[in-house]
Protein backbone atom coordinates (compact mmCIF):
# COMPACT_ATOMS: atom_id res chain seq x y z
CA MET A 1 112.70 134.05 95.58
CA LEU A 2 113.15 130.69 97.28
CA LYS A 3 112.23 132.18 100.69
CA THR A 4 109.05 133.64 99.17
CA LEU A 5 108.08 130.26 97.73
CA ILE A 6 108.73 128.52 101.05
CA ILE A 7 106.63 131.04 102.99
CA ALA A 8 103.82 130.83 100.42
CA ALA A 9 103.85 127.05 100.56
CA SER A 10 103.67 127.02 104.35
CA ILE A 11 100.68 129.39 104.24
CA LEU A 12 98.85 127.09 101.82
CA VAL A 13 99.55 123.97 103.87
CA SER A 14 98.51 125.56 107.15
CA SER A 15 95.39 127.16 105.69
CA ALA A 16 94.08 123.75 104.66
CA ALA A 17 93.65 122.90 108.36
CA VAL A 18 91.87 126.14 109.25
CA ALA A 19 88.14 125.92 109.86
CA GLU A 20 85.93 127.81 107.44
CA ASP A 21 84.27 130.98 108.68
CA THR A 22 81.01 130.16 110.45
CA GLU A 23 77.92 132.33 110.34
CA LEU A 24 77.58 134.05 113.69
CA PRO A 25 75.33 132.02 115.97
CA PHE A 26 75.09 135.09 118.20
CA LYS A 27 72.84 138.06 118.58
CA VAL A 28 75.34 140.94 118.78
CA THR A 29 74.32 143.88 120.97
CA PRO A 30 76.57 146.97 121.21
CA VAL A 31 76.62 148.08 124.85
CA ALA A 32 79.18 150.90 125.19
CA THR A 33 82.07 152.56 123.34
CA PHE A 34 85.61 153.26 124.54
CA ASN A 35 88.91 154.67 123.32
CA GLU A 36 91.53 151.93 122.97
CA PRO A 37 89.89 149.45 125.36
CA TRP A 38 92.25 146.68 126.41
CA ALA A 39 90.69 144.46 129.04
CA MET A 40 87.62 143.78 131.15
CA THR A 41 86.59 141.56 134.01
CA PHE A 42 83.36 140.87 135.87
CA MET A 43 82.88 141.66 139.54
CA PRO A 44 80.64 139.48 141.71
CA ASP A 45 77.76 141.99 141.43
CA GLY A 46 77.70 141.53 137.63
CA LYS A 47 79.27 144.90 136.82
CA MET A 48 82.44 145.06 134.76
CA LEU A 49 85.77 146.77 135.15
CA VAL A 50 87.08 148.01 131.78
CA THR A 51 90.52 149.45 131.05
CA GLU A 52 91.54 151.91 128.36
CA LYS A 53 95.14 151.83 127.23
CA ARG A 54 95.65 155.56 127.85
CA GLY A 55 95.32 154.87 131.57
CA ARG A 56 91.65 154.93 132.50
CA LEU A 57 89.62 152.38 134.46
CA TYR A 58 85.82 152.33 134.48
CA ILE A 59 82.95 150.51 136.15
CA VAL A 60 80.40 149.51 133.51
CA THR A 61 76.97 147.96 133.97
CA GLN A 62 75.62 145.28 131.66
CA ASP A 63 73.08 147.87 130.48
CA GLY A 64 75.92 150.02 129.18
CA GLU A 65 76.12 152.68 131.89
CA VAL A 66 79.75 153.81 132.05
CA GLY A 67 80.70 155.44 135.32
CA PRO A 68 83.33 158.14 135.79
CA TYR A 69 86.89 156.91 135.43
CA PHE A 70 88.90 156.03 138.54
CA ASP A 71 91.23 158.29 140.42
CA GLU A 72 94.47 156.92 141.88
CA VAL A 73 95.23 154.55 139.01
CA PRO A 74 99.00 154.05 138.50
CA ASN A 75 100.67 156.32 135.95
CA VAL A 76 101.23 154.49 132.69
CA ASP A 77 103.85 154.84 129.97
CA TYR A 78 101.46 155.28 127.05
CA ARG A 79 103.24 154.76 123.75
CA GLY A 80 103.41 152.03 121.13
CA GLN A 81 101.91 148.89 122.65
CA GLY A 82 102.32 150.27 126.17
CA GLY A 83 99.74 151.67 128.52
CA LEU A 84 97.15 150.33 130.93
CA GLY A 85 96.60 146.65 130.24
CA ASP A 86 94.83 143.84 132.04
CA VAL A 87 92.44 143.97 134.99
CA ILE A 88 91.36 141.09 137.23
CA VAL A 89 89.84 140.86 140.70
CA HIS A 90 91.11 138.89 143.66
CA PRO A 91 89.48 135.45 144.15
CA GLU A 92 88.11 136.77 147.47
CA PHE A 93 87.10 140.16 146.06
CA GLU A 94 83.82 140.25 147.99
CA LYS A 95 85.84 140.25 151.22
CA ASN A 96 88.84 142.39 150.33
CA GLN A 97 87.80 144.51 147.29
CA LEU A 98 91.25 143.97 145.74
CA VAL A 99 91.74 144.59 142.01
CA TYR A 100 94.91 143.94 139.99
CA LEU A 101 96.07 146.14 137.11
CA SER A 102 98.91 145.50 134.66
CA TYR A 103 100.52 148.36 132.79
CA ALA A 104 103.67 149.73 131.19
CA GLU A 105 105.75 151.98 133.44
CA SER A 106 108.71 154.19 132.60
CA GLY A 107 112.22 153.68 133.96
CA MET A 108 115.62 155.31 133.81
CA GLY A 109 117.28 156.27 130.53
CA ASN A 110 114.26 155.96 128.24
CA THR A 111 113.52 152.42 129.38
CA ARG A 112 110.16 150.93 130.28
CA GLY A 113 108.66 147.67 131.39
CA ALA A 114 105.51 145.91 132.50
CA ALA A 115 104.30 146.11 136.08
CA VAL A 116 101.38 144.86 138.17
CA ALA A 117 99.79 146.88 140.96
CA ARG A 118 96.92 146.05 143.26
CA GLY A 119 94.58 148.27 145.23
CA ARG A 120 91.20 148.31 146.94
CA ILE A 121 88.18 149.67 145.11
CA GLN A 122 86.32 152.51 146.79
CA VAL A 123 83.05 153.70 145.24
CA PRO A 124 81.67 156.81 146.97
CA ASP A 125 78.07 157.94 146.60
CA ARG A 126 79.34 161.00 144.75
CA GLY A 127 82.47 161.69 142.76
CA ARG A 128 84.88 159.36 141.11
CA PRO A 129 85.65 155.85 142.31
CA TYR A 130 89.23 155.42 143.43
CA LEU A 131 91.80 152.91 144.63
CA THR A 132 93.36 152.84 148.08
CA ASP A 133 96.35 150.90 149.42
CA VAL A 134 97.84 150.83 145.92
CA GLU A 135 101.10 148.88 145.78
CA VAL A 136 103.24 147.56 142.94
CA ILE A 137 103.62 143.81 143.53
CA TRP A 138 105.59 142.85 140.40
CA ARG A 139 107.90 144.47 137.87
CA GLN A 140 109.27 143.02 134.64
CA ILE A 141 113.06 142.82 134.89
CA PRO A 142 115.04 144.26 133.24
CA LYS A 143 113.38 147.37 131.86
CA MET A 144 114.23 147.91 128.21
CA THR A 145 113.97 150.38 125.37
CA ASP A 146 111.29 149.85 122.71
CA ASP A 147 107.59 149.87 123.43
CA GLY A 148 106.22 146.51 122.37
CA HIS A 149 105.56 142.96 123.57
CA TYR A 150 104.70 143.62 127.19
CA GLY A 151 102.36 140.65 127.43
CA HIS A 152 101.12 141.38 130.98
CA ARG A 153 97.99 139.24 131.01
CA MET A 154 97.04 137.90 134.44
CA ALA A 155 95.09 134.93 135.78
CA PHE A 156 94.47 133.35 139.17
CA ASP A 157 94.36 129.57 139.49
CA LYS A 158 91.99 127.64 141.76
CA ASP A 159 94.54 127.74 144.59
CA GLY A 160 94.88 131.52 144.50
CA TYR A 161 98.27 131.73 142.76
CA LEU A 162 98.74 134.67 140.42
CA PHE A 163 100.18 134.02 136.94
CA ILE A 164 101.50 136.88 134.79
CA SER A 165 102.62 136.68 131.17
CA SER A 166 105.74 138.69 130.38
CA GLY A 167 106.59 139.42 126.74
CA ASP A 168 110.02 139.40 125.15
CA ARG A 169 109.96 143.19 124.59
CA GLN A 170 111.03 142.64 120.95
CA LYS A 171 114.53 141.74 122.17
CA PHE A 172 114.57 138.04 121.17
CA ASP A 173 117.38 136.35 123.16
CA PRO A 174 116.38 137.49 126.69
CA ALA A 175 113.39 135.13 126.44
CA GLN A 176 115.98 132.36 127.01
CA HIS A 177 117.94 134.15 129.74
CA MET A 178 117.25 133.07 133.33
CA THR A 179 118.51 136.37 134.77
CA GLY A 180 115.26 138.24 134.05
CA THR A 181 111.53 137.79 133.58
CA VAL A 182 111.38 139.03 129.97
CA GLY A 183 109.84 136.36 127.71
CA LYS A 184 108.52 134.32 130.65
CA ILE A 185 105.39 133.40 132.54
CA VAL A 186 105.74 134.00 136.27
CA ARG A 187 103.87 132.57 139.27
CA LEU A 188 103.39 134.52 142.49
CA HIS A 189 101.34 134.63 145.65
CA ASP A 190 98.54 137.20 145.59
CA ASP A 191 100.78 139.74 147.36
CA GLY A 192 103.64 139.35 144.86
CA SER A 193 105.79 137.09 147.04
CA VAL A 194 107.25 133.96 145.47
CA PRO A 195 105.93 130.45 146.18
CA ASP A 196 108.65 128.15 147.45
CA ASP A 197 107.53 125.35 145.11
CA ASN A 198 108.09 127.29 141.88
CA PRO A 199 110.19 125.22 139.45
CA PHE A 200 113.29 127.41 139.81
CA ALA A 201 112.75 128.53 143.42
CA GLU A 202 116.09 127.12 144.55
CA ASP A 203 117.93 129.41 142.13
CA GLY A 204 116.81 132.48 144.09
CA ASP A 205 116.82 136.10 142.95
CA ILE A 206 114.59 136.90 139.93
CA THR A 207 114.80 133.35 138.60
CA GLU A 208 112.61 132.05 141.42
CA GLN A 209 109.58 133.84 139.95
CA ILE A 210 109.73 131.96 136.64
CA TRP A 211 107.14 129.31 135.77
CA SER A 212 108.03 128.83 132.08
CA ILE A 213 110.42 130.40 129.56
CA GLY A 214 110.87 130.99 125.84
CA HIS A 215 107.75 133.06 125.17
CA ARG A 216 107.42 135.86 122.62
CA ASN A 217 104.31 138.01 123.13
CA PRO A 218 101.77 136.10 125.25
CA LEU A 219 98.54 138.12 125.09
CA GLY A 220 96.11 135.52 126.42
CA LEU A 221 96.20 133.50 129.63
CA ALA A 222 93.51 131.15 130.97
CA PHE A 223 92.88 127.96 132.92
CA ASP A 224 90.75 125.16 131.52
CA ALA A 225 88.19 123.11 133.49
CA LYS A 226 90.95 120.73 134.60
CA GLY A 227 92.97 123.60 136.07
CA ARG A 228 95.63 123.53 133.34
CA LEU A 229 97.19 126.80 132.20
CA TRP A 230 97.09 127.77 128.51
CA ASN A 231 98.37 130.83 126.69
CA THR A 232 97.95 132.45 123.30
CA GLU A 233 101.08 133.93 121.82
CA MET A 234 101.80 136.18 118.88
CA GLY A 235 104.32 134.61 116.53
CA PRO A 236 106.82 136.69 114.57
CA LEU A 237 105.86 136.60 110.84
CA HIS A 238 102.99 134.12 111.27
CA GLY A 239 103.39 131.11 113.56
CA ASP A 240 100.94 132.27 116.26
CA GLU A 241 100.56 129.75 119.07
CA LEU A 242 98.21 128.14 121.56
CA ASN A 243 100.34 126.54 124.29
CA LEU A 244 99.65 124.24 127.21
CA VAL A 245 101.92 125.88 129.78
CA LYS A 246 103.73 123.52 132.13
CA ALA A 247 105.99 124.23 135.07
CA GLY A 248 109.65 124.62 134.19
CA LYS A 249 109.22 124.07 130.45
CA ASN A 250 110.92 125.99 127.63
CA TYR A 251 108.72 127.05 124.70
CA GLY A 252 111.66 127.74 122.45
CA TYR A 253 111.47 131.34 121.31
CA PRO A 254 113.52 132.74 119.58
CA ILE A 255 115.43 129.51 118.85
CA VAL A 256 112.39 127.90 117.26
CA SER A 257 109.07 129.15 115.92
CA ASN A 258 106.62 128.08 113.26
CA GLY A 259 106.89 131.62 111.91
CA ASP A 260 109.86 133.55 110.52
CA HIS A 261 111.49 136.91 111.21
CA TYR A 262 109.82 139.95 109.62
CA SER A 263 112.91 140.32 107.46
CA GLY A 264 112.06 136.96 105.89
CA GLU A 265 114.98 135.24 107.61
CA PRO A 266 113.76 131.76 108.55
CA ILE A 267 113.51 130.48 112.12
CA PRO A 268 113.78 126.70 112.58
CA ASP A 269 110.37 125.10 113.16
CA HIS A 270 109.46 123.48 116.46
CA ASP A 271 109.75 119.99 115.01
CA THR A 272 113.49 120.51 114.47
CA ARG A 273 114.14 120.87 118.21
CA PRO A 274 112.04 118.37 120.19
CA GLU A 275 113.64 119.43 123.47
CA PHE A 276 111.40 122.52 123.39
CA GLU A 277 107.67 122.43 124.05
CA ALA A 278 105.74 122.77 120.78
CA PRO A 279 102.43 124.63 120.49
CA LYS A 280 99.24 122.58 120.54
CA VAL A 281 97.97 124.73 117.66
CA SER A 282 99.90 127.16 115.46
CA TRP A 283 98.59 129.49 112.78
CA THR A 284 100.05 130.44 109.43
CA PRO A 285 98.81 132.88 108.25
CA THR A 286 98.53 134.86 111.46
CA ILE A 287 95.36 135.26 113.50
CA ALA A 288 97.07 137.78 115.85
CA PRO A 289 95.65 136.20 119.02
CA ALA A 290 94.76 138.30 122.04
CA GLU A 291 92.83 137.15 125.12
CA LEU A 292 91.72 133.56 125.68
CA ILE A 293 88.92 131.94 127.69
CA PHE A 294 87.55 128.44 128.16
CA TYR A 295 83.78 128.55 127.84
CA SER A 296 81.82 126.91 130.67
CA GLY A 297 78.37 128.47 130.33
CA ASN A 298 74.97 127.08 129.37
CA MET A 299 73.84 129.73 126.88
CA PHE A 300 75.91 128.13 124.12
CA PRO A 301 76.13 124.42 125.06
CA GLU A 302 77.84 123.64 121.74
CA LEU A 303 80.80 125.78 122.86
CA LYS A 304 81.16 124.24 126.31
CA GLY A 305 84.75 123.25 127.06
CA SER A 306 86.10 125.04 123.99
CA ALA A 307 88.89 127.59 124.00
CA LEU A 308 87.71 130.88 122.53
CA ILE A 309 90.43 133.23 121.28
CA ALA A 310 90.03 136.92 120.50
CA GLY A 311 91.58 137.64 117.10
CA LEU A 312 93.07 141.01 116.16
CA ALA A 313 94.29 140.76 112.55
CA SER A 314 91.81 137.93 111.94
CA ARG A 315 88.90 140.04 113.25
CA ALA A 316 87.38 136.91 114.65
CA ILE A 317 86.67 134.68 117.59
CA ILE A 318 88.55 131.45 116.96
CA ARG A 319 87.08 128.32 118.54
CA VAL A 320 89.50 125.53 119.46
CA GLU A 321 88.49 122.08 120.70
CA VAL A 322 90.78 120.48 123.27
CA ASP A 323 91.08 116.71 123.61
CA GLY A 324 93.54 115.72 126.31
CA GLU A 325 96.76 117.49 125.33
CA SER A 326 95.73 117.82 121.68
CA ALA A 327 93.85 120.76 120.22
CA ARG A 328 92.51 121.92 116.87
CA GLU A 329 90.68 124.89 115.46
CA VAL A 330 87.10 123.95 114.57
CA GLU A 331 85.31 127.25 113.90
CA ARG A 332 86.03 130.88 113.20
CA PHE A 333 83.42 133.55 113.85
CA LYS A 334 84.17 136.66 111.77
CA PHE A 335 83.48 140.22 112.94
CA ASP A 336 83.87 143.62 111.30
CA ASN A 337 86.58 144.85 113.66
CA ARG A 338 89.65 143.65 115.53
CA ILE A 339 88.74 141.77 118.72
CA ARG A 340 90.99 142.57 121.68
CA GLU A 341 89.25 140.88 124.61
CA ILE A 342 86.70 138.16 125.32
CA GLU A 343 85.05 137.20 128.61
CA GLN A 344 82.17 135.03 129.75
CA GLY A 345 79.34 136.80 131.54
CA PRO A 346 77.54 135.51 134.64
CA ASP A 347 74.60 134.28 132.54
CA GLY A 348 76.82 132.48 130.02
CA SER A 349 76.67 135.22 127.40
CA LEU A 350 79.93 136.30 125.76
CA TRP A 351 81.32 139.80 126.00
CA VAL A 352 83.98 141.17 123.66
CA LEU A 353 85.92 144.40 123.34
CA GLU A 354 86.86 145.73 119.94
CA ASP A 355 90.32 147.21 119.55
CA LYS A 356 91.45 150.83 119.05
CA ASP A 357 89.60 154.17 119.39
CA GLY A 358 85.87 153.73 119.15
CA GLY A 359 86.16 150.11 120.21
CA ARG A 360 82.79 148.82 121.30
CA LEU A 361 81.81 146.55 124.15
CA LEU A 362 79.57 143.89 122.60
CA GLN A 363 77.34 141.33 124.28
CA LEU A 364 76.82 138.07 122.38
CA THR A 365 73.64 136.15 123.23
CA ARG A 366 71.67 133.32 121.66
CA LYS A 367 69.80 134.33 118.50
């Protein structure tokens, strides 16, 4: 009974700081429909690449024309939260046509783990588009049983380094172990090799890949206008996070969290262990955050510089204002369905993917 009262009290306190739902300032235009869409990215020509979790990759125009799905996409381990995940293009895509895909792959003895492959896009005049020169450049180590918390969001920084989020695979303690990449964010060169200035580069082996540790299920990854890395992270029972991710820092999971275990067993809050990096914003009750962007367009000048977070359980876009190293939620735009992905279009419009079968691609423009 006492645990229930404590959890209820924390929900009430946290909710007082949550912005009220705001009437949508957007014109919402459905563009296309997919089965379990997971991610999208824009190519320089304004077309999008869209992934479906079952293992399909499509080219989609802004008018909603969905091309045939790609051949030669890596085989995915489709179960639970696993499947085809994120898609991004190389910073010099116009020269090299390289695209990066994250996904869950199977291993020995009923194990599985996240992986990242890259390949070159080929679009023939007839037939399906396909990838050539496909190579796996990163694998989550070790592979584990269970089929959740892969993370596997990707982002390039302005210097061309590739960052990959790697979830804790629902195994808790390995997020603190330096012998693997589970529960970490890693930093690589674009070919998967390891930069020699990574914070743990001198330790060698797998440890040299690690940029930060102590993460649970980081499903959003983005750089702000100052070039700083941020991530959104699913908490356990509540306690979702927005983190400013710094080199070599420990974000505390599972030792600390502003949420609790699903069993109701409490986890010490971040403020009890100041040696760990605390989130800049945390949410109780949960928003179930997915992808994250920092808006830089002109279509919605009132959003410029804000972090926009795709919300699953919250069925919302959550707007967060950032001031230095402080942040706060200021608005919440409610939708009818779970929002898995958000991206900014070339003209400053917003594009979102709804979650699950029948998930729509929506364009958000000025009313």
